[in-house]
Amino acid sequence: MIKCHLSKLMGEKKVKIVDVARETGVNRGTITRLYHETASRVELDVIEALCRYLECEVGELFELVDSE
């Protein structure tokens, strides 16, 4: 399964979902789903916008973990 570290990265930078949505132009609902790890798919432009905003690599935002 894919784990999303958006909540951790946002916490480190002390930004809120609304801040990320406003600054990136990404839909607030999309960010919320990623934050709570309930998203089932993500567009590449969203991943790019989040990585640029958070100044991180894709591998820092997403991680492949074994399903239990």
Protein backbone atom coordinates (compact mmCIF):
# COMPACT_ATOMS: atom_id res chain seq x y z
CA MET A 1 0.00 0.00 0.00
CA ILE A 2 1.05 3.61 -0.49
CA LYS A 3 1.46 5.75 2.64
CA CYS A 4 1.14 9.52 2.33
CA HIS A 5 3.25 11.67 4.64
CA LEU A 6 1.46 14.94 3.88
CA SER A 7 0.24 15.43 7.46
CA LYS A 8 3.78 14.96 8.82
CA LEU A 9 5.32 17.33 6.28
CA MET A 10 2.64 19.95 6.91
CA GLY A 11 3.15 19.62 10.66
CA GLU A 12 6.88 20.19 10.30
CA LYS A 13 6.22 23.39 8.35
CA LYS A 14 3.29 24.37 10.60
CA VAL A 15 0.87 24.94 7.74
CA LYS A 16 -2.85 24.19 7.57
CA ILE A 17 -4.85 22.52 4.83
CA VAL A 18 -6.39 25.85 3.84
CA ASP A 19 -2.91 27.41 3.52
CA VAL A 20 -1.70 24.62 1.23
CA ALA A 21 -4.86 24.85 -0.89
CA ARG A 22 -4.54 28.61 -1.26
CA GLU A 23 -0.81 28.58 -2.07
CA THR A 24 -0.84 25.61 -4.48
CA GLY A 25 -4.23 25.97 -6.14
CA VAL A 26 -4.96 22.34 -5.30
CA ASN A 27 -8.56 21.62 -4.31
CA ARG A 28 -9.02 21.64 -0.53
CA GLY A 29 -10.90 18.32 -0.65
CA THR A 30 -7.99 16.67 -2.43
CA ILE A 31 -5.54 17.90 0.19
CA THR A 32 -7.89 16.76 2.97
CA ARG A 33 -8.12 13.25 1.49
CA LEU A 34 -4.33 13.05 1.17
CA TYR A 35 -3.87 14.44 4.69
CA HIS A 36 -6.18 11.76 6.15
CA GLU A 37 -4.85 9.08 3.75
CA THR A 38 -8.26 8.34 2.26
CA ALA A 39 -7.40 9.31 -1.34
CA SER A 40 -7.55 6.48 -3.86
CA ARG A 41 -5.85 8.36 -6.70
CA VAL A 42 -3.87 11.55 -7.20
CA GLU A 43 -3.09 13.49 -10.36
CA LEU A 44 0.58 14.05 -11.18
CA ASP A 45 0.12 17.82 -11.26
CA VAL A 46 -1.15 17.69 -7.66
CA ILE A 47 1.90 15.69 -6.57
CA GLU A 48 4.16 18.17 -8.34
CA ALA A 49 2.44 21.19 -6.75
CA LEU A 50 2.67 19.68 -3.26
CA CYS A 51 6.34 18.70 -3.65
CA ARG A 52 7.25 22.17 -4.90
CA TYR A 53 5.30 23.88 -2.11
CA LEU A 54 6.67 21.63 0.64
CA GLU A 55 10.15 21.59 -0.92
CA CYS A 56 10.32 17.80 -0.83
CA GLU A 57 10.86 14.87 -3.16
CA VAL A 58 8.08 12.50 -4.21
CA GLY A 59 9.67 9.78 -2.06
CA GLU A 60 9.35 11.99 1.00
CA LEU A 61 5.64 12.55 0.31
CA PHE A 62 4.74 8.95 -0.56
CA GLU A 63 6.11 5.63 0.63
CA LEU A 64 5.42 2.05 -0.44
CA VAL A 65 4.82 -0.12 2.63
CA ASP A 66 3.92 -3.79 2.95
CA SER A 67 0.23 -4.51 3.53
CA GLU A 68 -0.44 -6.49 6.68
